[in-house]
Each structure stands twice: as structure tokens, then as C-alpha cells.
Amino acid sequence: MSMTKLGVWAATVLILVPLAGAQSYTVTPLGTLGGIFSNVNAINNHNQVTGYASLNDGVEHAFLWTNAQGMRDLGTLGGSTSYGFGLNNLGQVVGGSFPASENFYHAFVWTENNGMHDLGTLGGNYSYAEAINDSGEVVGYAYLPGDDSYHAFYWTAEEGLQDIGTLGGSESDANFVTESGQVVGSSTLSDNVTMHAFLWTKAGGMQDLGTLGGQNSFAYAISETGEVIGFADTTLGNQTAFIWTQQNGMQSIGAGPGAYAMALNASNYIVGAFGPKSEQAFLWTPTAHIQNLNNVIPPNSGWTLNGATGISHEGEIVVNGTIKQDGYFQAVLLTPVN
């Protein structure tokens, strides 16, 4: 889910031209850690993937998947469970896990050399990390003392967890951070009911990105060039996926009611889920617009693709799907044929 500017031209050559001729994809199941369930959350530009999967006893652990090693159990902070949510191009993973002595999730960063490191909290019991850039800066959310509210945080190895505030309410959550330190997420307004997508920078603080005419909006990712994606309420009372820029503000990408956008790459190719129940995975491109990913995989693949959560610069997509034969929910990797 990293979105640096490197490889933009190459990604365009590799993806844009084939899509004009109805790009198709192969399906690679990512498996589990011995159980029946897996959920994928992110992919980097080296086709490393993270998420979480069940062990044979049903307990869920964070994983790092590579083509060479398959699915690797990243362990926990000492407790029973862990969940991988974001990773960078160095293969460093962030998420949440139970420490040995507590019954509350703590944010973690996992590295090859040091394993899983507890990032602590903002004084409360809970914290959760959702993204990491290639400089090792981490964002997520953490509870304040008393656990009555939570705020978005920005973590660095030098300064630890930093509270980046809200849009006036008591709650905020950071979902993504770029190499230049731009952060997106969502926050309650002063009424503590309405929630809006935000863009935060160290210099400018937190900027309200508005909505599509309705009450709420949520931002999930941002490119290095400042395009923000997520979903928002419309004037018709439904929600749909959006793309936001400083020049044009928030605009629908035309995915219809129930759509949400989860990730984009350097070519502004967007993936997510759409449909009345948000049950179908989609790919959106500036030229081909919305494509149902179920229509571009082999018809005998045995999978229904429910929601896409990440896309690399070269167009590999990670998707959560359902195995048609037994109904199990597991993670897959889609690779462009060309």
C-alpha cells in the first residue's frame, strides 16, 4: 500500500495499456497459518503482504507473506493474538497485539531483526497501528487516560507516540502516512457525532476534507502527490467511494452506493469494494473507471472476490475473498497476466 512517486511511468506502462484491452488476472491463494481463515490488509511494491490468519486452534496471528516463503507467523507481544494492518517497502509490519500482562491491544511495529516491538499508548489502555512509511514512521490511534476517548497518533523511534489531535471532537484515527509525513484518517467534529475525513501535516495541522454532501466521511489512503481516497455520505443518504485533491475537493469516483475505496498506487489506480452490501471487489482507473474484479479472473477460479485492500505500483492487488466450495473467507493475490 506504499505510494511513493518511484516507478510511476513504469507502472503506467505495465498496467494502463493492458487494461485498455481488458486486463485479466491470475489468482494466488495466500493460505492460512493452519486454520481456515485469513484476512489481507496491505501489499508493498515487493509483493510482500500482511494481514492476519487463524492457527489450527482458531487463534489469529499477524502474518507476512512472500512468494518465496509463503505465510509467516509474526507472533504476538506475549499475549494470544495479533493483527497485521500495514507494511512498508522494507517489509516492516504494524498492527495491534495483546501484551502478555494485559487484556488490551497495543500498537506494534515488527522488523526482521528485532521482531515485535510495543509502541505503548497515549496514557490509556488501547492503541493500534495502521500504517508505516519507509522511514519507519507509524500512525494509528490510541486511547487517552480513562479510555473515554482516542486520538490519532504519529510515532517515531526518536519521539515515540505523539497525539495529533482532532477536528474538535473527542476521537480521531489515522489510517495512512506518506514518505513526506502527510497523514489521513477521520475525526469527530465538535458535536462528537459527525465524523469527517482529515489530512494532517506537521506544518498545517489537521484539515477537514468535508463530505459528498452528507454527514460523514472517512479517509483511508493518500498518494505522495496528495490524492486522498475513502468513502463519504452523499446528499441521498448513502455512502460511496471518493477521491479528494486540493484543487478539486472531494469527488465521487462513480462506484455507486455502498462503495468504499481502500488503497491506491502511484498511478492513482484505486481498489476497494462496491455493491449494495459492499460485497464485490473493484479496481478503478482514470481511463477504464470501475471494473468488477470478479469479471477479470478465470471463471473456474473457485473464488468470489469480496473486497480489495491493497495495490502495488505494478498492479498486483490483494483481495479478501470467499472460497465457493466451502464458504471459507481467505486472502488472495491477483497478478496481471501481462
Protein backbone atom coordinates (compact mmCIF):
# COMPACT_ATOMS: atom_id res chain seq x y z
CA MET A 1 0.00 0.00 0.00
CA SER A 2 3.01 2.26 -0.18
CA MET A 3 2.55 5.07 -2.68
CA THR A 4 5.86 6.75 -3.46
CA LYS A 5 6.46 8.51 -6.79
CA LEU A 6 9.08 5.98 -7.87
CA GLY A 7 8.04 3.85 -10.80
CA VAL A 8 5.05 5.93 -11.90
CA TRP A 9 6.00 5.78 -15.57
CA ALA A 10 6.80 2.07 -15.36
CA ALA A 11 3.52 1.32 -13.58
CA THR A 12 1.64 3.18 -16.29
CA VAL A 13 3.28 1.12 -19.00
CA LEU A 14 2.69 -2.14 -17.19
CA ILE A 15 -0.91 -1.53 -16.17
CA LEU A 16 -2.61 1.16 -18.17
CA VAL A 17 -2.05 -0.27 -21.63
CA PRO A 18 -3.17 -3.84 -20.76
CA LEU A 19 -6.28 -2.52 -19.01
CA ALA A 20 -7.38 -0.87 -22.23
CA GLY A 21 -7.55 -4.40 -23.64
CA ALA A 22 -9.48 -5.89 -20.71
CA GLN A 23 -6.68 -6.80 -18.33
CA SER A 24 -7.05 -10.22 -16.72
CA TYR A 25 -5.52 -11.61 -13.54
CA THR A 26 -4.29 -14.87 -12.10
CA VAL A 27 -5.43 -15.82 -8.59
CA THR A 28 -2.95 -16.95 -5.93
CA PRO A 29 -4.49 -18.05 -2.61
CA LEU A 30 -2.32 -16.89 0.31
CA GLY A 31 -3.46 -19.66 2.63
CA THR A 32 -3.67 -19.55 6.43
CA LEU A 33 -1.49 -20.28 9.46
CA GLY A 34 -3.07 -23.70 9.88
CA GLY A 35 -6.70 -22.71 10.42
CA ILE A 36 -9.47 -21.88 7.95
CA PHE A 37 -9.42 -18.06 7.92
CA SER A 38 -7.16 -15.29 6.65
CA ASN A 39 -7.61 -11.57 6.06
CA VAL A 40 -5.26 -9.40 3.98
CA ASN A 41 -4.75 -5.68 4.63
CA ALA A 42 -1.78 -4.41 2.62
CA ILE A 43 0.79 -5.12 -0.10
CA ASN A 44 4.08 -3.32 -0.76
CA ASN A 45 5.99 -2.84 -4.00
CA HIS A 46 7.99 -6.06 -3.49
CA ASN A 47 4.83 -8.19 -3.35
CA GLN A 48 5.12 -8.71 0.39
CA VAL A 49 1.70 -8.92 2.03
CA THR A 50 0.41 -8.55 5.57
CA GLY A 51 -2.81 -9.26 7.42
CA TYR A 52 -3.85 -11.89 9.94
CA ALA A 53 -4.82 -15.55 9.81
CA SER A 54 -6.08 -18.30 12.06
CA LEU A 55 -3.90 -21.01 13.55
CA ASN A 56 -5.17 -24.57 13.82
CA ASP A 57 -6.67 -23.74 17.23
CA GLY A 58 -8.58 -20.77 15.79
CA VAL A 59 -6.39 -18.07 17.39
CA GLU A 60 -5.43 -15.31 14.95
CA HIS A 61 -1.88 -14.01 14.38
CA ALA A 62 -0.37 -11.32 12.18
CA PHE A 63 1.45 -12.63 9.11
CA LEU A 64 3.96 -11.57 6.48
CA TRP A 65 3.55 -13.37 3.16
CA THR A 66 6.13 -13.60 0.39
CA ASN A 67 6.16 -15.69 -2.77
CA ALA A 68 9.38 -17.38 -1.63
CA GLN A 69 8.41 -18.17 1.97
CA GLY A 70 4.64 -18.22 1.91
CA MET A 71 2.77 -17.12 5.04
CA ARG A 72 4.94 -16.44 8.08
CA ASP A 73 3.59 -16.15 11.63
CA LEU A 74 4.84 -12.90 13.23
CA GLY A 75 3.89 -13.94 16.74
CA THR A 76 2.48 -11.59 19.39
CA LEU A 77 3.55 -9.15 22.08
CA GLY A 78 3.28 -12.04 24.53
CA GLY A 79 -0.48 -12.49 24.57
CA SER A 80 -2.74 -14.68 22.47
CA THR A 81 -3.50 -12.67 19.33
CA SER A 82 -2.06 -10.16 16.88
CA TYR A 83 -3.27 -8.42 13.72
CA GLY A 84 -1.13 -7.06 10.89
CA PHE A 85 -2.51 -4.00 9.18
CA GLY A 86 0.18 -2.01 7.37
CA LEU A 87 3.66 -2.54 5.97
CA ASN A 88 6.32 -0.58 4.14
CA ASN A 89 8.72 -1.44 1.33
CA LEU A 90 11.30 -2.70 3.85
CA GLY A 91 8.94 -5.45 4.97
CA GLN A 92 8.25 -3.82 8.35
CA VAL A 93 4.74 -4.58 9.66
CA VAL A 94 2.49 -2.66 12.05
CA GLY A 95 -0.77 -3.57 13.74
CA GLY A 96 -2.10 -4.50 17.17
CA SER A 97 -1.48 -7.32 19.63
CA PHE A 98 -2.21 -8.37 23.20
CA PRO A 99 0.79 -7.95 25.53
CA ALA A 100 1.40 -10.81 27.94
CA SER A 101 0.21 -8.98 31.04
CA GLU A 102 -2.78 -7.08 29.64
CA ASN A 103 -6.15 -7.68 28.02
CA PHE A 104 -5.88 -4.60 25.80
CA TYR A 105 -4.41 -4.27 22.33
CA HIS A 106 -1.18 -2.34 21.94
CA ALA A 107 0.21 -0.97 18.70
CA PHE A 108 3.31 -2.75 17.44
CA VAL A 109 5.98 -2.49 14.79
CA TRP A 110 7.61 -5.73 13.60
CA THR A 111 11.01 -5.85 11.93
CA GLU A 112 13.08 -8.77 10.69
CA ASN A 113 15.93 -8.08 13.11
CA ASN A 114 14.00 -7.11 16.24
CA GLY A 115 10.69 -8.89 15.99
CA MET A 116 7.59 -7.27 17.50
CA HIS A 117 8.02 -4.02 19.47
CA ASP A 118 5.29 -2.47 21.67
CA LEU A 119 4.66 1.19 20.81
CA GLY A 120 2.74 1.93 24.00
CA THR A 121 -0.31 4.21 24.31
CA LEU A 122 -1.24 7.85 24.93
CA GLY A 123 -1.94 7.09 28.59
CA GLY A 124 -4.93 4.79 28.17
CA ASN A 125 -5.11 1.05 27.75
CA TYR A 126 -5.51 0.58 24.00
CA SER A 127 -3.55 1.51 20.89
CA TYR A 128 -3.48 0.25 17.30
CA ALA A 129 -1.07 0.97 14.44
CA GLU A 130 -2.45 1.16 10.92
CA ALA A 131 0.35 2.30 8.58
CA ILE A 132 4.13 2.73 8.37
CA ASN A 133 6.23 4.57 5.79
CA ASP A 134 9.71 3.66 4.57
CA SER A 135 11.28 5.96 7.16
CA GLY A 136 9.70 3.86 9.92
CA GLU A 137 7.14 6.50 10.96
CA VAL A 138 3.93 4.91 12.20
CA VAL A 139 0.36 6.20 12.52
CA GLY A 140 -2.77 4.81 14.16
CA TYR A 141 -4.88 5.60 17.20
CA ALA A 142 -4.51 5.31 20.95
CA TYR A 143 -6.75 5.87 23.96
CA LEU A 144 -6.21 8.71 26.40
CA PRO A 145 -6.18 8.27 30.21
CA GLY A 146 -9.52 6.91 31.36
CA ASP A 147 -10.20 5.26 27.97
CA ASP A 148 -13.12 7.59 27.29
CA SER A 149 -11.67 8.84 24.02
CA TYR A 150 -8.97 8.03 21.48
CA HIS A 151 -6.78 10.22 19.31
CA ALA A 152 -4.77 9.69 16.15
CA PHE A 153 -1.05 9.32 16.79
CA TYR A 154 2.19 9.81 14.90
CA TRP A 155 5.09 7.66 16.14
CA THR A 156 8.81 7.93 15.50
CA ALA A 157 11.63 5.99 17.10
CA GLU A 158 13.10 9.26 18.39
CA GLU A 159 9.96 10.87 19.84
CA GLY A 160 7.59 7.99 20.50
CA LEU A 161 3.79 8.44 20.28
CA GLN A 162 2.63 11.97 19.51
CA ASP A 163 -1.03 12.98 19.77
CA ILE A 164 -2.03 14.81 16.56
CA GLY A 165 -5.39 15.96 17.87
CA THR A 166 -8.88 16.04 16.37
CA LEU A 167 -11.21 18.23 14.31
CA GLY A 168 -12.82 19.49 17.51
CA GLY A 169 -14.31 16.31 18.92
CA SER A 170 -13.02 13.63 21.26
CA GLU A 171 -12.00 10.93 18.76
CA SER A 172 -9.69 10.60 15.76
CA ASP A 173 -7.96 7.77 13.91
CA ALA A 174 -5.01 7.93 11.47
CA ASN A 175 -5.04 5.38 8.63
CA PHE A 176 -2.09 6.22 6.38
CA VAL A 177 1.19 8.16 6.26
CA THR A 178 3.25 9.15 3.21
CA GLU A 179 7.02 9.42 2.91
CA SER A 180 6.72 13.19 3.35
CA GLY A 181 4.70 12.81 6.55
CA GLN A 182 1.20 13.57 5.27
CA VAL A 183 -1.38 11.69 7.36
CA VAL A 184 -5.02 10.90 6.58
CA GLY A 185 -7.78 9.49 8.71
CA SER A 186 -11.06 10.53 10.28
CA SER A 187 -12.13 12.56 13.31
CA THR A 188 -15.25 13.61 15.13
CA LEU A 189 -16.28 17.26 14.95
CA SER A 190 -17.24 19.33 17.99
CA ASP A 191 -20.65 17.63 18.21
CA ASN A 192 -18.84 14.29 18.86
CA VAL A 193 -21.27 12.61 16.46
CA THR A 194 -20.30 13.74 12.98
CA MET A 195 -17.05 12.28 11.64
CA HIS A 196 -15.04 13.79 8.78
CA ALA A 197 -12.01 12.72 6.80
CA PHE A 198 -8.87 14.73 7.54
CA LEU A 199 -5.45 15.50 6.09
CA TRP A 200 -2.75 16.29 8.67
CA THR A 201 0.74 17.71 8.26
CA LYS A 202 3.23 18.87 10.88
CA ALA A 203 3.21 22.37 9.41
CA GLY A 204 -0.51 22.77 8.78
CA GLY A 205 -2.16 20.59 11.39
CA MET A 206 -5.48 18.84 10.68
CA GLN A 207 -7.56 19.87 7.65
CA ASP A 208 -11.23 18.90 7.33
CA LEU A 209 -11.81 17.32 3.90
CA GLY A 210 -15.59 17.63 4.04
CA THR A 211 -18.10 15.14 2.63
CA LEU A 212 -20.07 14.43 -0.55
CA GLY A 213 -23.00 16.40 0.82
CA GLY A 214 -23.97 14.05 3.62
CA GLN A 215 -22.91 13.83 7.26
CA ASN A 216 -19.79 11.67 7.47
CA SER A 217 -16.60 10.83 5.60
CA PHE A 218 -13.61 8.55 6.19
CA ALA A 219 -10.15 8.70 4.56
CA TYR A 220 -8.10 5.53 4.16
CA ALA A 221 -5.08 6.35 2.00
CA ILE A 222 -3.15 9.16 0.30
CA SER A 223 -0.67 9.22 -2.58
CA GLU A 224 2.65 11.07 -2.48
CA THR A 225 1.13 13.67 -4.79
CA GLY A 226 -1.75 14.35 -2.40
CA GLU A 227 -4.73 12.40 -3.75
CA VAL A 228 -6.84 11.10 -0.83
CA ILE A 229 -9.32 8.22 -1.07
CA GLY A 230 -12.00 6.78 1.19
CA PHE A 231 -15.79 6.88 1.41
CA ALA A 232 -18.35 9.51 2.34
CA ASP A 233 -22.06 10.09 2.81
CA THR A 234 -23.92 11.72 -0.07
CA THR A 235 -26.90 14.06 -0.20
CA LEU A 236 -29.05 11.00 -0.99
CA GLY A 237 -28.23 9.44 2.37
CA ASN A 238 -25.97 6.66 1.11
CA GLN A 239 -22.21 6.30 1.09
CA THR A 240 -19.82 5.97 -1.84
CA ALA A 241 -16.11 5.99 -2.63
CA PHE A 242 -14.33 9.30 -3.20
CA ILE A 243 -11.08 10.82 -4.38
CA TRP A 244 -10.03 14.21 -2.95
CA THR A 245 -7.46 16.74 -4.18
CA GLN A 246 -6.56 20.23 -3.04
CA GLN A 247 -7.59 21.54 -6.47
CA ASN A 248 -10.97 19.83 -6.84
CA GLY A 249 -12.01 18.87 -3.34
CA MET A 250 -13.97 15.65 -2.75
CA GLN A 251 -15.48 13.88 -5.76
CA SER A 252 -17.24 10.55 -6.20
CA ILE A 253 -15.41 8.03 -8.38
CA GLY A 254 -18.72 6.70 -9.67
CA ALA A 255 -18.69 3.37 -7.86
CA GLY A 256 -22.31 3.65 -6.73
CA PRO A 257 -23.97 3.29 -3.30
CA GLY A 258 -22.19 1.10 -0.78
CA ALA A 259 -18.72 1.59 -2.26
CA TYR A 260 -15.60 2.33 -0.27
CA ALA A 261 -12.04 2.93 -1.51
CA MET A 262 -9.22 1.34 0.50
CA ALA A 263 -5.94 1.83 -1.37
CA LEU A 264 -4.32 3.44 -4.40
CA ASN A 265 -0.96 3.30 -6.13
CA ALA A 266 1.27 5.92 -7.77
CA SER A 267 -0.82 5.83 -10.97
CA ASN A 268 -3.96 6.62 -8.94
CA TYR A 269 -5.41 3.16 -9.53
CA ILE A 270 -7.89 2.66 -6.70
CA VAL A 271 -9.17 -0.59 -5.15
CA GLY A 272 -11.94 -1.32 -2.69
CA ALA A 273 -15.40 -2.83 -2.50
CA PHE A 274 -18.74 -1.86 -4.03
CA GLY A 275 -22.29 -3.07 -4.44
CA PRO A 276 -25.40 -2.64 -2.25
CA LYS A 277 -23.76 -4.65 0.54
CA SER A 278 -20.14 -3.72 -0.31
CA GLU A 279 -19.70 -7.34 -1.36
CA GLN A 280 -17.75 -7.10 -4.63
CA ALA A 281 -14.09 -6.13 -5.12
CA PHE A 282 -13.35 -3.37 -7.62
CA LEU A 283 -10.50 -1.69 -9.46
CA TRP A 284 -10.90 1.93 -10.59
CA THR A 285 -8.58 3.59 -13.10
CA PRO A 286 -8.66 7.10 -14.55
CA THR A 287 -9.36 5.67 -18.01
CA ALA A 288 -11.35 2.45 -17.52
CA HIS A 289 -13.11 3.63 -14.33
CA ILE A 290 -14.90 0.92 -12.31
CA GLN A 291 -14.19 -2.75 -13.03
CA ASN A 292 -15.58 -5.65 -11.02
CA LEU A 293 -12.55 -7.81 -10.26
CA ASN A 294 -14.74 -10.92 -10.31
CA ASN A 295 -15.10 -10.39 -14.05
CA VAL A 296 -11.37 -10.37 -14.81
CA ILE A 297 -10.28 -13.61 -13.12
CA PRO A 298 -10.68 -17.13 -14.57
CA PRO A 299 -14.35 -18.19 -14.31
CA ASN A 300 -13.28 -21.54 -12.83
CA SER A 301 -11.04 -19.99 -10.16
CA GLY A 302 -13.34 -21.12 -7.35
CA TRP A 303 -13.33 -17.68 -5.71
CA THR A 304 -15.72 -14.81 -5.11
CA LEU A 305 -13.74 -11.61 -4.53
CA ASN A 306 -15.40 -9.55 -1.80
CA GLY A 307 -13.12 -6.59 -1.20
CA ALA A 308 -9.70 -5.35 -2.36
CA THR A 309 -7.42 -3.77 0.25
CA GLY A 310 -4.12 -3.02 -1.49
CA ILE A 311 -2.44 -2.45 -4.85
CA SER A 312 1.26 -2.27 -5.74
CA HIS A 313 2.88 0.06 -8.28
CA GLU A 314 2.96 -2.74 -10.87
CA GLY A 315 -0.70 -3.60 -10.36
CA GLU A 316 -0.72 -6.64 -8.08
CA ILE A 317 -3.85 -6.49 -5.94
CA VAL A 318 -4.61 -8.14 -2.61
CA VAL A 319 -8.21 -9.15 -2.03
CA ASN A 320 -10.30 -10.84 0.63
CA GLY A 321 -12.47 -13.48 -0.96
CA THR A 322 -14.72 -16.45 -0.33
CA ILE A 323 -13.90 -19.97 -1.45
CA LYS A 324 -17.04 -21.03 -3.31
CA GLN A 325 -16.73 -24.72 -2.42
CA ASP A 326 -16.72 -24.39 1.37
CA GLY A 327 -17.53 -20.73 2.08
CA TYR A 328 -14.25 -20.02 3.91
CA PHE A 329 -13.08 -16.41 3.91
CA GLN A 330 -9.44 -16.12 2.89
CA ALA A 331 -6.88 -13.80 1.30
CA VAL A 332 -5.74 -13.91 -2.34
CA LEU A 333 -3.22 -12.13 -4.56
CA LEU A 334 -4.22 -11.04 -8.06
CA THR A 335 -1.42 -10.74 -10.62
CA PRO A 336 -1.88 -9.08 -14.02
CA VAL A 337 -1.48 -11.66 -16.80
CA ASN A 338 0.51 -9.27 -18.98
